[in-house]
Protein backbone atom coordinates (compact mmCIF):
# COMPACT_ATOMS: atom_id res chain seq x y z
CA MET A 1 0.02 -0.05 -0.07
CA VAL A 2 1.13 3.80 -0.60
CA ASP A 3 1.84 5.35 2.80
CA THR A 4 1.51 8.93 1.57
CA ILE A 5 0.20 10.10 -2.11
CA GLU A 6 1.35 13.83 -2.50
CA THR A 7 -0.56 14.43 -5.99
CA PRO A 8 -4.15 14.07 -6.22
CA THR A 9 -6.13 11.44 -6.50
CA VAL A 10 -9.31 10.08 -7.27
CA ARG A 11 -11.43 6.78 -6.42
CA ALA A 12 -14.12 4.75 -7.57
CA GLY A 13 -15.90 1.52 -5.90
CA ALA A 14 -18.28 -0.93 -6.24
CA LYS A 15 -19.81 -2.68 -3.70
CA HIS A 16 -21.35 -6.41 -3.38
CA LEU A 17 -20.06 -7.69 -6.34
CA ARG A 18 -20.93 -11.68 -6.19
CA VAL A 19 -17.62 -12.29 -6.94
CA SER A 20 -15.14 -14.21 -4.17
CA ALA A 21 -12.65 -11.11 -2.83
CA TYR A 22 -9.53 -13.61 -3.32
CA LYS A 23 -10.60 -14.22 -7.11
CA ILE A 24 -10.38 -9.96 -7.43
CA ARG A 25 -7.49 -10.00 -5.65
CA GLN A 26 -5.78 -12.27 -7.92
CA VAL A 27 -6.58 -9.50 -11.03
CA LEU A 28 -5.90 -6.43 -9.22
CA ALA A 29 -2.02 -7.88 -8.68
CA LEU A 30 -2.38 -7.44 -12.46
CA ILE A 31 -2.81 -3.97 -12.49
CA ARG A 32 -1.37 -2.34 -9.19
CA GLY A 33 1.68 0.23 -9.94
CA LEU A 34 0.33 0.54 -14.29
CA SER A 35 -0.51 3.74 -15.81
CA ALA A 36 -4.18 4.20 -16.01
CA GLU A 37 -4.25 3.30 -19.65
CA ASP A 38 -2.40 0.21 -19.58
CA ALA A 39 -4.57 -1.29 -16.76
CA GLU A 40 -7.07 -0.59 -19.17
CA ARG A 41 -5.76 -2.94 -21.75
CA VAL A 42 -4.25 -5.50 -19.16
CA LEU A 43 -7.94 -5.80 -18.11
CA GLN A 44 -9.70 -6.26 -21.67
CA LEU A 45 -7.48 -8.75 -22.04
CA CYS A 46 -7.39 -10.83 -18.98
CA GLN A 47 -9.18 -14.20 -19.00
CA LYS A 48 -10.43 -13.86 -15.63
CA ASP A 49 -13.94 -13.43 -15.04
CA ALA A 50 -13.03 -10.85 -12.27
CA ALA A 51 -11.61 -8.69 -14.94
CA GLY A 52 -15.16 -7.42 -16.10
CA ASP A 53 -16.16 -5.82 -13.13
CA ILE A 54 -12.45 -4.27 -12.18
CA LEU A 55 -12.45 -2.63 -15.86
CA LYS A 56 -15.84 -1.32 -15.06
CA VAL A 57 -14.83 0.46 -12.04
CA LEU A 58 -11.36 1.66 -13.40
CA ASP A 59 -13.49 3.18 -16.19
CA SER A 60 -15.51 4.67 -13.22
CA ALA A 61 -12.58 6.40 -11.98
CA ILE A 62 -10.87 7.68 -14.91
CA ALA A 63 -14.50 9.19 -15.41
CA ASN A 64 -14.38 10.99 -12.11
CA ALA A 65 -10.61 11.96 -12.44
CA GLU A 66 -12.02 13.54 -15.93
CA ASN A 67 -15.06 15.16 -14.66
CA ASN A 68 -14.45 16.19 -11.25
CA ARG A 69 -10.81 17.04 -10.75
CA SER A 70 -9.93 18.02 -14.64
CA LEU A 71 -7.22 15.40 -15.09
CA PRO A 72 -6.17 14.09 -17.75
CA PRO A 73 -5.99 10.06 -18.21
CA GLU A 74 -2.87 9.80 -19.59
CA GLU A 75 -1.30 11.24 -16.41
CA LEU A 76 -3.32 8.80 -13.58
CA TYR A 77 -1.92 5.76 -12.40
CA VAL A 78 -2.90 3.22 -10.53
CA ALA A 79 -1.62 3.83 -6.84
CA ASN A 80 -3.64 1.21 -4.88
CA CYS A 81 -6.71 -1.10 -5.40
CA TYR A 82 -7.84 -3.28 -3.06
CA ALA A 83 -10.51 -6.19 -3.00
CA ASP A 84 -12.47 -6.26 1.32
CA GLU A 85 -14.79 -8.99 1.70
CA GLY A 86 -18.81 -8.49 1.50
CA PRO A 87 -21.38 -10.74 3.50
CA THR A 88 -21.39 -14.25 2.54
CA ARG A 89 -25.16 -15.66 1.51
CA LYS A 90 -25.10 -18.88 2.93
CA TRP A 91 -27.27 -21.53 1.14
CA GLY A 92 -27.39 -25.35 0.95
CA GLN A 93 -28.47 -28.21 -1.39
CA PRO A 94 -29.61 -31.51 -0.08
CA ARG A 95 -27.85 -34.96 -0.68
CA ALA A 96 -28.35 -38.47 -0.33
CA ARG A 97 -28.85 -39.97 2.96
CA GLY A 98 -30.22 -37.13 4.60
CA ARG A 99 -27.15 -35.16 4.27
CA TYR A 100 -26.81 -31.71 3.57
CA PHE A 101 -24.02 -29.91 1.35
CA ARG A 102 -23.32 -26.16 2.68
CA ILE A 103 -22.87 -23.65 -0.20
CA ARG A 104 -21.35 -19.91 0.53
CA HIS A 105 -22.03 -17.43 -1.92
CA ARG A 106 -19.42 -15.10 -1.66
CA THR A 107 -19.39 -11.05 -2.16
CA ALA A 108 -16.66 -8.68 -2.03
CA HIS A 109 -16.07 -4.65 -1.92
CA LEU A 110 -13.73 -3.49 -4.38
CA THR A 111 -12.01 -0.08 -4.78
CA ILE A 112 -9.50 1.37 -7.11
CA ILE A 113 -7.92 4.50 -6.42
CA LEU A 114 -6.16 6.51 -9.24
CA ALA A 115 -3.19 9.10 -8.57
CA ARG A 116 -1.33 11.81 -10.58
CA TYR A 117 2.26 11.41 -11.05
CA SER A 118 4.65 13.76 -10.31
CA GLU A 119 5.96 16.08 -12.53
CA ASP A 120 9.76 14.76 -12.60
CA GLU A 121 7.70 10.95 -13.25
CA LEU A 122 5.83 13.04 -15.89
CA ASP A 123 8.80 14.20 -18.01
CA ALA A 124 10.42 10.75 -17.53
CA LYS A 125 6.64 9.47 -19.22
CA ARG A 126 7.04 12.03 -21.83
CA ARG A 127 10.97 11.27 -22.54
CA ARG A 128 10.31 7.04 -23.18
CA GLU A 129 6.90 8.25 -25.33
CA GLU A 130 8.91 10.29 -27.63
CA ALA A 131 12.60 7.73 -27.76
CA ALA A 132 9.82 5.06 -28.27
CA SER A 133 7.73 6.58 -31.50
CA GLY A 134 10.79 8.36 -33.15
CA GLY A 135 10.75 12.52 -32.04
CA GLY A 136 7.14 12.21 -30.64
CA ARG A 137 5.52 12.25 -33.82
CA GLN A 138 2.90 9.71 -32.13
CA ARG A 139 2.37 10.98 -28.68
CA GLY A 140 -0.79 10.46 -27.15
CA GLY A 141 -1.36 7.82 -29.81
CA SER A 142 -2.13 5.23 -27.35
CA ARG A 143 -4.49 7.56 -25.64
CA ARG A 144 -6.89 8.81 -28.90
CA ARG A 145 -7.19 5.18 -29.51
CA ALA A 146 -8.30 4.08 -26.19
CA GLU A 147 -11.18 7.06 -26.55
CA ARG A 148 -11.77 6.06 -30.05
CA VAL A 149 -12.40 2.59 -28.50
CA ARG A 150 -14.72 4.03 -25.69
CA GLN A 151 -16.49 6.19 -28.42
CA SER A 152 -17.13 3.12 -30.66
CA ARG A 153 -18.43 0.33 -28.30
CA ALA A 154 -20.98 3.73 -27.19
CA ALA A 155 -22.19 3.72 -30.89
CA GLN A 156 -22.33 0.24 -31.12
CA ARG A 157 -24.34 -0.11 -28.05
CA VAL A 158 -27.04 2.79 -29.54
CA GLU A 159 -26.73 1.00 -33.29
CA GLU A 160 -27.61 -2.06 -31.29
CA HIS A 161 -30.37 -0.55 -29.04
CA ASP A 162 -31.88 1.23 -32.75
CA HIS A 163 -31.68 -2.10 -34.49
CA ASP A 164 -33.64 -4.14 -32.06
CA HIS A 165 -36.86 -1.57 -31.98
CA ASP A 166 -36.33 -1.29 -36.05
CA ASP A 167 -36.59 -5.32 -36.20
CA GLU A 168 -39.80 -5.06 -33.61
CA HIS A 169 -41.35 -2.28 -36.02
CA ASP A 170 -40.73 -4.30 -38.67
CA HIS A 171 -42.20 -7.27 -36.97
CA ASP A 172 -45.41 -5.30 -35.98
CA HIS A 173 -46.14 -5.10 -40.18
CA GLU A 174 -44.90 -8.09 -41.16
CA HIS A 175 -48.74 -8.88 -42.77
CA ASP A 176 -48.83 -5.62 -45.05
CA ASP A 177 -45.48 -6.39 -46.96
CA VAL A 178 -46.95 -10.26 -47.87
CA PRO A 179 -47.66 -10.04 -51.60
CA GLU A 180 -51.03 -11.67 -52.66
CA PRO A 181 -50.97 -14.89 -54.45
CA ALA A 182 -51.19 -15.37 -57.69
CA PRO A 183 -54.45 -16.76 -59.51
CA THR A 184 -53.73 -20.54 -60.21
CA GLY A 185 -56.45 -21.28 -63.14
CA GLY A 186 -57.41 -18.84 -65.79
CA PRO A 187 -60.70 -19.19 -67.97
CA VAL A 188 -61.69 -22.55 -70.18
CA SER A 189 -61.27 -22.26 -73.58
CA GLU A 190 -63.86 -23.76 -76.60
CA LEU A 191 -60.93 -26.39 -77.25
CA GLU A 192 -61.12 -27.98 -73.81
CA ILE A 193 -64.52 -27.83 -73.77
CA GLU A 194 -65.15 -29.62 -76.99
CA ALA A 195 -62.54 -32.35 -75.92
CA THR A 196 -64.32 -32.56 -72.54
CA GLU A 197 -67.91 -33.62 -74.53
CA GLU A 198 -65.84 -35.65 -76.79
CA ARG A 199 -64.29 -37.63 -73.84
CA ASP A 200 -68.11 -37.78 -72.30
CA GLU A 201 -69.57 -39.67 -75.65
CA ASP A 202 -67.05 -41.89 -76.27
CA LEU A 203 -67.28 -43.42 -72.60
CA ALA A 204 -70.88 -43.42 -72.70
CA GLU A 205 -70.99 -45.31 -76.58
CA ALA A 206 -68.27 -47.86 -74.57
CA SER A 207 -70.89 -48.41 -71.57
CA ALA A 208 -73.18 -49.25 -73.97
CA GLU A 209 -70.96 -51.78 -75.54
CA VAL A 210 -70.57 -53.48 -72.70
CA GLU A 211 -73.92 -53.36 -71.53
CA ALA A 212 -74.93 -54.73 -74.83
CA ALA A 213 -72.35 -57.73 -74.83
CA GLU A 214 -73.43 -58.55 -71.62
CA GLY A 215 -77.26 -59.01 -72.58
CA ALA A 216 -76.25 -61.38 -75.31
CA ASP A 217 -73.68 -63.46 -73.35
CA GLY A 218 -76.95 -63.57 -70.79
CA ALA A 219 -79.47 -64.92 -73.06
CA ALA A 220 -76.99 -67.21 -74.75
CA ASP A 221 -76.65 -68.89 -71.11
CA ASP A 222 -80.85 -68.91 -71.15
CA GLU A 223 -81.19 -70.88 -74.21
CA GLU A 224 -78.92 -73.33 -73.02
CA GLU A 225 -80.95 -73.89 -69.53
CA SER A 226 -83.61 -74.49 -71.39
CA LYS A 227 -82.27 -76.94 -73.98
């Protein structure tokens, strides 16, 4: 812990996070002492589940520094960060043979303190950035990239909200856009009518011939029986 911080500081915190303090401390050890920009990049790439909650608190601390203390984010670093244990919600699950397994849902309170670099540290940091960027042509590039990332994320959230609203509106009016089915049949021509009549006449003649043949066979059978 830092005993005395002479430069301006700003803090942000979150209480009753539904994660154990032990898991949060593992991630806090990665960003303690880093600059605010480096800590933000580390949390974005961290695979731990607790990194998401820590990143939200870090963004809140940076926003407090910009709006309340007028401190530029590129001059801030993580002076202190810690996690305290919160209340534990006791739960359980019944098991076989009358046993009962205790389940403890841990919570934690998170606090992040940002401080401004001293003038000597800022000068040394600027010289390192100039040496790394080749004469200071790209000074503040990482800060601008981080700002663009935040703006793009905000714009993406707005677009997703508008897209969901448009989908709901289009779903309500889907029945207006459905085209009417085209008629499958057309008017019957005279040729088709004549063909149908001829087919009916042929069927009638064939049936008459069959009945006549059956009558002749029946008469022949009667004559043979009478003999």
